[in-house]
Amino acid sequence: MARLVVVSNRVGPLQDSRKAGGLAVGLVDALKKDGGLWFGWSGCVSEEGTFGAMQVESSGNVELATIDLNQEDYDGYYAGYANKSLWPVLHYRLDLAEFERNYEMVYRRVNDRFATRLKSLLRPDDIIWAHDYHFLPLGRALRNMEVENPIGFFLHIPFPSPDFLTALPNAHHLVRDMLAYDVVGFQTQRDVDNFRAFVEQELDGIAHADGRVTAFGRTILAKAYPIGIDTESFAEYGKSVEARRYYQKLLTSLGGRTQIIGVDRLDYSKGLPERLRAFEKLLEDYPEHRGKVSLMQVAPLSRSDLDAYDTIRRELESVSGNINARFADMGWTPIHCMFRSFTRRALAGIYRGSAIGLVTPLRDGMNLVAKEYVAAQNPENPGVLVLSRFAGAAAEMGEALIVNPYNREQVAEKIQTALRMSLEERKERWNALYAKLLANDSSHWAQSIVSDLKHVHSATLAA
């Protein structure tokens, strides 16, 4: 039986993966199906780095294997090229991108080292599945080491249009590296179309009608596989003891007022200052909500060692402070910002007690918060999801109120629509959204990609 080998920057957990979110659930379920290996960075920085001892742990028929980085590799591969070059470019933020040649050199060197360490663990019938922008060239590195196993790749963040991506130095080489994979998966069809256009326009390749692309003697499948969540489990979280405790605490603190909830990593791609200003516009244009509606923004720190994230936190504190100073009244504060994280059960309770889920990233690969908000709702009295058109989830979740996050007047208007929406309409929208979440959960996502990878590789061998 073929073993699945998952490669990602951070790995695990193998035990109680539902604590880590829908992605981990889907991957662990896929690994357990036929047995598997999850390989990646340990999260630690050591003097030996990628040349140090490999840490291995097991749970049933699944192994987890990790290696360290040294400081130079961390600075160049992770903090440098991955998060200062690739992340901003792939999120359409050229103004924040840093193009240091050394970053790219270290990034490629680390990918080569990961490929070398991984190869020693591989079996002839393994199926390899690499994840995200940290490992764009990993497939090429493995092929250069004569690894002939089926290798798939999934990008968790957006893939921009060719005219935008070409601003990245050596973008052509990076996309050519991606052609070493047998299947390249994306969050949305828009991302797939951008990849296909790049292959055609920039690499003189061919984009076939059936989803395949051909260039440099390679034909691979490029396809959209929207990530789902562990829908039924998250719905159960909303009924858990911890969720009920947070739900009751929330209702007590609100004192009959209405809450809007936003939950995002502290990241410039999430549109947090724009979201707060849209809420300010709501209070300006619809003054009946003053003293009656609050916004809670949960924003755990993300990559706090990078200057861009310090800037966004300071801006968020400034904007929320100004809005609160302008509108706050005795016993009512318009905006509550919390730079901390909550357990998934606690979040389920907070979601359940919030009348509106405000998910308005400027650009997002998918956004599982949108799906978790829907899953946590009380079917008899569900809240309303207000969702950015630039989140990958918008392609699936048309029953949400879709907004342009750059248009604060429109966002304020849609929040007003949500606040005034009838129970009948809220139920109708929620039922349609929840049915989609059930049909396309995290397990379905993982199984779809692995199935296509097996099929494509078999067809290639037969040809």
Protein backbone atom coordinates (compact mmCIF):
# COMPACT_ATOMS: atom_id res chain seq x y z
CA MET A 1 0.00 0.00 0.00
CA ALA A 2 1.44 3.40 -1.02
CA ARG A 3 2.40 5.65 1.88
CA LEU A 4 1.56 9.38 1.89
CA VAL A 5 4.46 11.73 2.67
CA VAL A 6 3.42 15.28 3.58
CA VAL A 7 6.02 18.06 3.54
CA SER A 8 5.27 21.44 5.12
CA ASN A 9 7.15 24.20 6.88
CA ARG A 10 5.50 23.45 10.22
CA VAL A 11 4.16 20.00 11.07
CA GLY A 12 1.68 18.29 13.36
CA PRO A 13 0.22 17.77 15.76
CA LEU A 14 -0.50 14.09 15.31
CA GLN A 15 -2.48 13.88 18.56
CA ASP A 16 -5.82 15.75 18.69
CA SER A 17 -5.17 17.49 15.38
CA ARG A 18 -8.56 19.19 15.66
CA LYS A 19 -6.99 21.62 18.12
CA ALA A 20 -4.83 22.92 15.27
CA GLY A 21 -7.60 23.50 12.74
CA GLY A 22 -9.17 22.10 9.63
CA LEU A 23 -5.92 21.82 7.67
CA ALA A 24 -4.27 19.57 10.25
CA VAL A 25 -7.41 17.45 10.47
CA GLY A 26 -7.49 16.86 6.72
CA LEU A 27 -3.80 16.01 6.55
CA VAL A 28 -3.80 13.67 9.56
CA ASP A 29 -6.87 11.86 8.25
CA ALA A 30 -5.16 11.39 4.88
CA LEU A 31 -1.95 10.21 6.54
CA LYS A 32 -3.76 7.69 8.72
CA LYS A 33 -5.68 6.19 5.81
CA ASP A 34 -2.78 4.14 4.42
CA GLY A 35 0.00 5.14 6.81
CA GLY A 36 2.21 8.14 6.30
CA LEU A 37 5.05 10.48 7.15
CA TRP A 38 4.83 14.21 7.91
CA PHE A 39 8.16 15.97 7.37
CA GLY A 40 9.19 19.59 7.94
CA TRP A 41 10.82 22.20 10.12
CA SER A 42 10.85 21.61 13.87
CA GLY A 43 10.27 25.29 14.58
CA CYS A 44 13.66 25.38 16.35
CA VAL A 45 16.87 27.20 15.46
CA SER A 46 20.10 25.38 16.36
CA GLU A 47 23.77 25.59 15.48
CA GLU A 48 23.62 22.36 13.44
CA GLY A 49 20.47 23.38 11.58
CA THR A 50 19.48 21.09 8.72
CA PHE A 51 22.61 18.99 9.34
CA GLY A 52 21.53 18.14 12.89
CA ALA A 53 19.74 15.09 14.19
CA MET A 54 16.25 14.41 12.89
CA GLN A 55 13.51 14.33 15.54
CA VAL A 56 11.01 11.52 14.98
CA GLU A 57 7.80 10.63 16.78
CA SER A 58 5.06 8.16 15.93
CA SER A 59 1.35 7.76 16.45
CA GLY A 60 -0.16 4.57 15.12
CA ASN A 61 0.78 4.23 11.46
CA VAL A 62 1.90 7.86 11.11
CA GLU A 63 5.39 9.27 11.71
CA LEU A 64 6.36 12.88 12.22
CA ALA A 65 9.96 13.81 11.30
CA THR A 66 11.44 17.28 11.73
CA ILE A 67 14.76 19.04 11.38
CA ASP A 68 16.06 22.37 12.67
CA LEU A 69 17.26 25.46 10.85
CA ASN A 70 20.38 27.40 11.77
CA GLN A 71 20.18 31.17 12.27
CA GLU A 72 21.41 32.01 8.78
CA ASP A 73 18.86 29.70 7.20
CA TYR A 74 16.05 31.09 9.36
CA ASP A 75 16.96 34.67 8.44
CA GLY A 76 17.27 33.99 4.72
CA TYR A 77 14.76 31.22 4.02
CA TYR A 78 11.94 31.91 6.48
CA ALA A 79 12.12 35.50 7.70
CA GLY A 80 13.74 36.59 4.44
CA TYR A 81 12.62 35.12 1.12
CA ALA A 82 9.44 33.39 2.31
CA ASN A 83 8.02 36.24 4.37
CA LYS A 84 9.69 39.38 2.99
CA SER A 85 9.69 38.46 -0.70
CA LEU A 86 7.17 35.75 -1.57
CA TRP A 87 4.43 36.53 0.97
CA PRO A 88 3.98 40.21 -0.03
CA VAL A 89 4.26 39.52 -3.77
CA LEU A 90 1.76 36.67 -3.69
CA HIS A 91 -0.59 38.93 -1.70
CA TYR A 92 -0.29 41.77 -4.24
CA ARG A 93 1.83 43.98 -1.94
CA LEU A 94 4.86 44.92 -4.01
CA ASP A 95 5.26 48.01 -1.84
CA LEU A 96 6.24 45.76 1.09
CA ALA A 97 8.38 43.26 -0.82
CA GLU A 98 12.15 43.07 -0.32
CA PHE A 99 14.18 41.60 -3.16
CA GLU A 100 17.51 40.54 -1.68
CA ARG A 101 19.49 38.14 -3.84
CA ASN A 102 20.91 36.44 -0.75
CA TYR A 103 17.41 35.65 0.52
CA GLU A 104 16.66 33.66 -2.61
CA MET A 105 20.00 31.86 -2.50
CA VAL A 106 19.39 30.74 1.08
CA TYR A 107 15.77 29.79 0.25
CA ARG A 108 16.95 27.48 -2.54
CA ARG A 109 19.73 26.06 -0.41
CA VAL A 110 17.29 25.20 2.38
CA ASN A 111 14.92 23.56 -0.11
CA ASP A 112 17.86 21.48 -1.38
CA ARG A 113 18.74 20.49 2.18
CA PHE A 114 15.14 19.51 2.98
CA ALA A 115 15.04 17.45 -0.21
CA THR A 116 18.27 15.71 0.74
CA ARG A 117 17.06 14.86 4.24
CA LEU A 118 13.67 13.77 2.93
CA LYS A 119 15.13 11.48 0.26
CA SER A 120 16.77 9.33 2.94
CA LEU A 121 13.29 8.60 4.34
CA LEU A 122 11.52 7.81 1.07
CA ARG A 123 10.28 4.45 -0.13
CA PRO A 124 9.81 3.56 -3.82
CA ASP A 125 6.01 3.63 -3.68
CA ASP A 126 5.62 6.78 -1.54
CA ILE A 127 3.30 9.57 -2.67
CA ILE A 128 4.79 12.98 -1.81
CA TRP A 129 2.65 16.05 -1.15
CA ALA A 130 4.46 19.38 -0.52
CA HIS A 131 2.74 22.44 0.90
CA ASP A 132 2.86 26.18 0.43
CA TYR A 133 5.21 28.93 -0.64
CA HIS A 134 8.06 27.71 1.54
CA PHE A 135 8.58 24.75 -0.80
CA LEU A 136 7.94 25.96 -4.34
CA PRO A 137 11.27 24.48 -5.62
CA LEU A 138 11.25 21.31 -3.50
CA GLY A 139 9.84 19.15 -6.29
CA ARG A 140 12.61 20.25 -8.65
CA ALA A 141 15.22 19.53 -5.99
CA LEU A 142 13.83 16.01 -5.54
CA ARG A 143 13.71 15.39 -9.29
CA ASN A 144 17.34 16.49 -9.54
CA MET A 145 18.11 13.75 -7.02
CA GLU A 146 16.36 11.22 -9.32
CA VAL A 147 13.27 10.86 -7.12
CA GLU A 148 10.65 9.44 -9.48
CA ASN A 149 7.76 9.16 -7.01
CA PRO A 150 4.53 11.05 -7.66
CA ILE A 151 4.94 14.54 -6.17
CA GLY A 152 2.10 17.01 -5.65
CA PHE A 153 2.06 20.57 -4.40
CA PHE A 154 -0.62 22.77 -2.84
CA LEU A 155 -0.38 26.55 -2.49
CA HIS A 156 -2.28 27.87 0.52
CA ILE A 157 -2.09 31.54 -0.45
CA PRO A 158 -3.04 33.43 -3.64
CA PHE A 159 -1.21 33.08 -6.95
CA PRO A 160 -1.19 36.52 -8.65
CA SER A 161 -1.58 37.42 -12.31
CA PRO A 162 1.48 37.19 -14.60
CA ASP A 163 1.98 40.94 -14.92
CA PHE A 164 2.20 41.13 -11.12
CA LEU A 165 4.25 38.01 -10.43
CA THR A 166 6.91 38.96 -12.97
CA ALA A 167 7.97 41.77 -10.62
CA LEU A 168 9.55 39.03 -8.49
CA PRO A 169 13.15 38.54 -9.66
CA ASN A 170 13.56 35.08 -11.18
CA ALA A 171 9.82 34.43 -11.11
CA HIS A 172 10.24 32.44 -14.33
CA HIS A 173 12.65 30.04 -12.64
CA LEU A 174 10.33 29.63 -9.67
CA VAL A 175 7.30 28.76 -11.80
CA ARG A 176 9.43 26.46 -13.95
CA ASP A 177 10.40 24.69 -10.71
CA MET A 178 6.70 24.12 -10.01
CA LEU A 179 6.45 22.13 -13.23
CA ALA A 180 8.48 19.38 -11.56
CA TYR A 181 5.35 18.44 -9.62
CA ASP A 182 2.74 16.11 -11.11
CA VAL A 183 -0.21 18.03 -9.64
CA VAL A 184 -0.21 21.68 -8.55
CA GLY A 185 -3.23 22.63 -6.44
CA PHE A 186 -4.60 26.09 -5.70
CA GLN A 187 -7.35 27.51 -3.51
CA THR A 188 -9.51 29.01 -6.28
CA GLN A 189 -10.05 28.83 -10.02
CA ARG A 190 -8.76 32.40 -10.27
CA ASP A 191 -5.39 31.22 -8.91
CA VAL A 192 -5.38 28.33 -11.38
CA ASP A 193 -6.12 30.69 -14.26
CA ASN A 194 -3.26 32.98 -13.20
CA PHE A 195 -0.86 30.03 -13.10
CA ARG A 196 -2.01 28.78 -16.50
CA ALA A 197 -1.66 32.28 -17.96
CA PHE A 198 1.90 32.55 -16.62
CA VAL A 199 2.86 29.24 -18.21
CA GLU A 200 1.40 30.35 -21.53
CA GLN A 201 2.51 33.96 -21.61
CA GLU A 202 5.85 33.84 -19.82
CA LEU A 203 7.11 30.28 -20.38
CA ASP A 204 5.73 29.74 -23.92
CA GLY A 205 3.85 26.70 -22.66
CA ILE A 206 0.44 25.26 -23.49
CA ALA A 207 -2.65 25.41 -21.25
CA HIS A 208 -4.88 22.48 -22.22
CA ALA A 209 -8.67 22.55 -21.92
CA ASP A 210 -8.70 19.65 -19.43
CA GLY A 211 -6.68 21.54 -16.79
CA ARG A 212 -3.24 20.27 -17.73
CA VAL A 213 -0.35 22.55 -18.70
CA THR A 214 2.71 21.67 -20.75
CA ALA A 215 6.11 23.38 -20.78
CA PHE A 216 9.76 22.33 -20.94
CA GLY A 217 8.78 18.76 -21.74
CA ARG A 218 6.56 18.39 -18.67
CA THR A 219 2.77 18.03 -18.58
CA ILE A 220 1.13 18.48 -15.19
CA LEU A 221 -2.34 19.04 -13.76
CA ALA A 222 -3.19 22.48 -12.31
CA LYS A 223 -6.48 22.48 -10.45
CA ALA A 224 -8.46 24.26 -7.72
CA TYR A 225 -8.97 22.37 -4.43
CA PRO A 226 -10.64 24.74 -1.93
CA ILE A 227 -9.64 23.87 1.64
CA GLY A 228 -12.48 22.93 3.95
CA ILE A 229 -12.76 22.68 7.72
CA ASP A 230 -13.69 19.80 10.02
CA THR A 231 -17.28 21.02 9.78
CA GLU A 232 -19.16 18.61 12.03
CA SER A 233 -16.48 18.71 14.73
CA PHE A 234 -16.41 22.50 14.79
CA ALA A 235 -20.20 22.60 14.98
CA GLU A 236 -19.94 20.33 18.04
CA TYR A 237 -17.34 22.67 19.55
CA GLY A 238 -20.05 25.33 19.63
CA LYS A 239 -21.99 23.12 22.07
CA SER A 240 -19.01 22.22 24.27
CA VAL A 241 -18.67 23.24 27.92
CA GLU A 242 -15.85 25.67 27.13
CA ALA A 243 -17.81 27.23 24.25
CA ARG A 244 -20.92 27.65 26.42
CA ARG A 245 -18.82 29.30 29.13
CA TYR A 246 -17.43 31.88 26.68
CA TYR A 247 -20.86 32.31 25.09
CA GLN A 248 -22.45 33.13 28.44
CA LYS A 249 -19.56 35.39 29.45
CA LEU A 250 -19.96 37.24 26.14
CA LEU A 251 -23.71 37.69 26.52
CA THR A 252 -23.25 38.98 30.06
CA SER A 253 -20.65 41.53 28.99
CA LEU A 254 -22.78 42.70 26.06
CA GLY A 255 -25.79 43.37 28.27
CA GLY A 256 -28.25 43.04 25.42
CA ARG A 257 -26.05 44.77 22.86
CA THR A 258 -25.04 43.23 19.53
CA GLN A 259 -21.52 42.07 18.72
CA ILE A 260 -19.63 41.85 15.45
CA ILE A 261 -16.62 39.52 15.51
CA GLY A 262 -13.41 39.55 13.52
CA VAL A 263 -10.68 36.94 14.06
CA ASP A 264 -7.43 37.19 12.09
CA ARG A 265 -3.72 36.78 12.51
CA LEU A 266 -2.09 40.18 12.84
CA ASP A 267 -1.14 40.50 9.20
CA TYR A 268 -1.28 43.32 6.67
CA SER A 269 -3.13 41.09 4.20
CA LYS A 270 -6.15 40.90 6.54
CA GLY A 271 -7.32 44.49 6.05
CA LEU A 272 -7.73 45.18 9.77
CA PRO A 273 -7.35 49.01 9.76
CA GLU A 274 -9.72 49.17 6.78
CA ARG A 275 -12.21 47.01 8.72
CA LEU A 276 -12.14 49.30 11.74
CA ARG A 277 -12.67 52.34 9.53
CA ALA A 278 -15.64 50.63 7.89
CA PHE A 279 -17.12 50.08 11.35
CA GLU A 280 -16.50 53.75 12.07
CA LYS A 281 -18.43 54.55 8.89
CA LEU A 282 -21.31 52.42 10.17
CA LEU A 283 -21.48 54.52 13.34
CA GLU A 284 -21.32 57.70 11.27
CA ASP A 285 -23.98 56.77 8.70
CA TYR A 286 -26.27 54.75 10.97
CA PRO A 287 -26.14 56.52 14.35
CA GLU A 288 -28.93 54.32 15.74
CA HIS A 289 -26.24 51.69 16.39
CA ARG A 290 -24.18 53.90 18.70
CA GLY A 291 -24.22 52.39 22.14
CA LYS A 292 -25.85 49.22 20.80
CA VAL A 293 -23.30 47.50 18.50
CA SER A 294 -19.67 46.65 19.25
CA LEU A 295 -16.83 45.17 17.22
CA MET A 296 -14.51 42.63 18.83
CA GLN A 297 -11.31 42.14 16.85
CA VAL A 298 -9.15 39.19 17.90
CA ALA A 299 -5.71 39.52 16.29
CA PRO A 300 -3.04 37.17 17.66
CA LEU A 301 0.50 38.26 16.89
CA SER A 302 1.98 36.96 13.65
CA ARG A 303 5.66 37.00 12.72
CA SER A 304 6.22 39.59 15.43
CA ASP A 305 9.93 39.79 14.62
CA LEU A 306 9.21 41.42 11.27
CA ASP A 307 8.96 45.20 11.02
CA ALA A 308 5.84 45.17 8.80
CA TYR A 309 3.86 43.46 11.55
CA ASP A 310 4.97 45.91 14.24
CA THR A 311 3.70 48.66 11.95
CA ILE A 312 0.28 47.08 11.46
CA ARG A 313 -0.16 46.59 15.22
CA ARG A 314 0.66 50.22 15.92
CA GLU A 315 -1.75 51.34 13.21
CA LEU A 316 -4.50 49.10 14.56
CA GLU A 317 -4.02 50.46 18.08
CA SER A 318 -4.09 54.03 16.77
CA VAL A 319 -7.21 53.59 14.61
CA SER A 320 -9.19 51.75 17.31
CA GLY A 321 -8.11 54.28 19.92
CA ASN A 322 -9.27 57.20 17.79
CA ILE A 323 -12.64 55.59 17.04
CA ASN A 324 -13.21 54.74 20.70
CA ALA A 325 -12.26 58.26 21.77
CA ARG A 326 -14.73 59.65 19.25
CA PHE A 327 -17.76 57.44 19.96
CA ALA A 328 -17.38 55.74 23.36
CA ASP A 329 -20.03 56.41 25.98
CA MET A 330 -20.63 55.42 29.60
CA GLY A 331 -20.74 51.61 29.66
CA TRP A 332 -20.08 51.19 25.92
CA THR A 333 -16.80 50.92 24.01
CA PRO A 334 -17.22 50.58 20.22
CA ILE A 335 -14.12 48.47 19.50
CA HIS A 336 -12.32 45.85 21.58
CA CYS A 337 -8.96 44.71 20.12
CA MET A 338 -7.26 41.69 21.65
CA PHE A 339 -3.78 40.65 20.53
CA ARG A 340 -4.07 37.14 21.91
CA SER A 341 -5.31 33.73 20.81
CA PHE A 342 -8.19 31.57 22.01
CA THR A 343 -8.74 27.83 21.87
CA ARG A 344 -10.94 26.62 19.03
CA ARG A 345 -13.72 25.71 21.46
CA ALA A 346 -13.61 29.17 23.02
CA LEU A 347 -13.73 30.74 19.56
CA ALA A 348 -16.73 28.59 18.67
CA GLY A 349 -18.57 30.05 21.65
CA ILE A 350 -17.55 33.61 20.72
CA TYR A 351 -18.65 33.06 17.12
CA ARG A 352 -21.97 31.64 18.29
CA GLY A 353 -22.64 34.73 20.41
CA SER A 354 -21.76 37.19 17.63
CA ALA A 355 -24.52 38.39 15.30
CA ILE A 356 -22.11 39.15 12.46
CA GLY A 357 -18.86 37.54 11.34
CA LEU A 358 -16.79 40.27 9.65
CA VAL A 359 -14.17 38.64 7.42
CA THR A 360 -12.71 41.30 5.14
CA PRO A 361 -9.13 40.53 4.08
CA LEU A 362 -7.56 42.60 1.33
CA ARG A 363 -6.31 39.32 -0.16
CA ASP A 364 -6.53 35.80 1.24
CA GLY A 365 -5.91 32.33 -0.10
CA MET A 366 -9.06 30.91 1.49
CA ASN A 367 -9.89 32.12 5.03
CA LEU A 368 -11.11 29.32 7.25
CA VAL A 369 -12.41 31.77 9.87
CA ALA A 370 -15.32 32.48 7.51
CA LYS A 371 -16.15 28.77 7.44
CA GLU A 372 -15.68 28.28 11.18
CA TYR A 373 -17.99 31.22 11.92
CA VAL A 374 -20.75 29.60 9.87
CA ALA A 375 -20.17 26.13 11.38
CA ALA A 376 -20.43 27.48 14.94
CA GLN A 377 -23.81 29.17 14.49
CA ASN A 378 -27.05 28.14 16.18
CA PRO A 379 -29.23 26.82 13.32
CA GLU A 380 -32.32 28.30 15.00
CA ASN A 381 -30.83 31.80 15.26
CA PRO A 382 -27.76 32.03 12.99
CA GLY A 383 -25.58 35.08 12.51
CA VAL A 384 -24.66 36.66 9.17
CA LEU A 385 -21.30 36.38 7.43
CA VAL A 386 -19.93 39.54 5.77
CA LEU A 387 -17.10 38.39 3.51
CA SER A 388 -14.48 40.06 1.32
CA ARG A 389 -14.64 39.33 -2.38
CA PHE A 390 -10.85 38.95 -2.25
CA ALA A 391 -10.95 35.97 0.12
CA GLY A 392 -10.75 32.63 -1.63
CA ALA A 393 -13.79 31.51 0.38
CA ALA A 394 -15.98 34.01 -1.51
CA ALA A 395 -15.94 31.70 -4.55
CA GLU A 396 -17.82 29.07 -2.52
CA MET A 397 -19.79 31.20 -0.09
CA GLY A 398 -22.02 33.33 -2.30
CA GLU A 399 -24.81 33.33 0.33
CA ALA A 400 -22.63 35.54 2.53
CA LEU A 401 -22.84 39.31 2.08
CA ILE A 402 -19.92 39.90 -0.28
CA VAL A 403 -18.06 43.21 -0.01
CA ASN A 404 -15.11 45.15 -1.38
CA PRO A 405 -12.93 45.72 1.72
CA TYR A 406 -11.46 48.87 0.18
CA ASN A 407 -14.94 50.44 0.02
CA ARG A 408 -15.77 51.36 3.60
CA GLU A 409 -19.16 52.79 2.62
CA GLN A 410 -20.14 49.46 1.05
CA VAL A 411 -18.88 47.44 4.03
CA ALA A 412 -20.84 49.70 6.41
CA GLU A 413 -23.94 49.31 4.24
CA LYS A 414 -23.65 45.51 4.24
CA ILE A 415 -23.19 45.45 8.02
CA GLN A 416 -26.38 47.49 8.24
CA THR A 417 -28.09 44.96 5.96
CA ALA A 418 -26.92 42.13 8.21
CA LEU A 419 -28.11 43.89 11.37
CA ARG A 420 -31.58 44.38 9.88
CA MET A 421 -31.87 40.96 8.23
CA SER A 422 -34.91 38.86 9.10
CA LEU A 423 -34.56 35.54 10.91
CA GLU A 424 -36.07 33.76 7.89
CA GLU A 425 -33.43 35.12 5.53
CA ARG A 426 -30.61 34.45 8.00
CA LYS A 427 -31.70 30.82 8.26
CA GLU A 428 -31.97 30.45 4.50
CA ARG A 429 -28.47 31.83 3.92
CA TRP A 430 -26.98 29.79 6.76
CA ASN A 431 -28.53 26.50 5.63
CA ALA A 432 -27.10 26.93 2.13
CA LEU A 433 -23.63 27.79 3.47
CA TYR A 434 -23.57 24.97 6.01
CA ALA A 435 -24.58 22.38 3.40
CA LYS A 436 -21.56 23.40 1.32
CA LEU A 437 -19.26 23.14 4.33
CA LEU A 438 -20.47 19.62 5.01
CA ALA A 439 -20.00 18.52 1.40
CA ASN A 440 -16.52 20.06 1.06
CA ASP A 441 -14.87 19.49 4.42
CA SER A 442 -11.16 19.08 5.18
CA SER A 443 -11.19 15.32 4.61
CA HIS A 444 -12.81 15.72 1.18
CA TRP A 445 -10.17 18.32 0.26
CA ALA A 446 -7.23 16.06 1.14
CA GLN A 447 -8.72 12.97 -0.47
CA SER A 448 -9.43 14.84 -3.72
CA ILE A 449 -5.83 15.95 -4.15
CA VAL A 450 -4.29 12.60 -3.22
CA SER A 451 -6.67 10.79 -5.56
CA ASP A 452 -5.79 13.08 -8.48
CA LEU A 453 -2.07 12.74 -7.73
CA LYS A 454 -2.26 8.95 -7.88
CA HIS A 455 -4.26 9.07 -11.11
CA VAL A 456 -2.05 11.62 -12.87
CA HIS A 457 1.16 9.82 -11.98
CA SER A 458 -0.24 6.46 -13.12
CA ALA A 459 -1.32 8.01 -16.42
CA THR A 460 2.15 9.51 -16.88
CA LEU A 461 3.83 6.15 -16.31
CA ALA A 462 1.42 4.46 -18.73
CA ALA A 463 2.21 7.03 -21.43
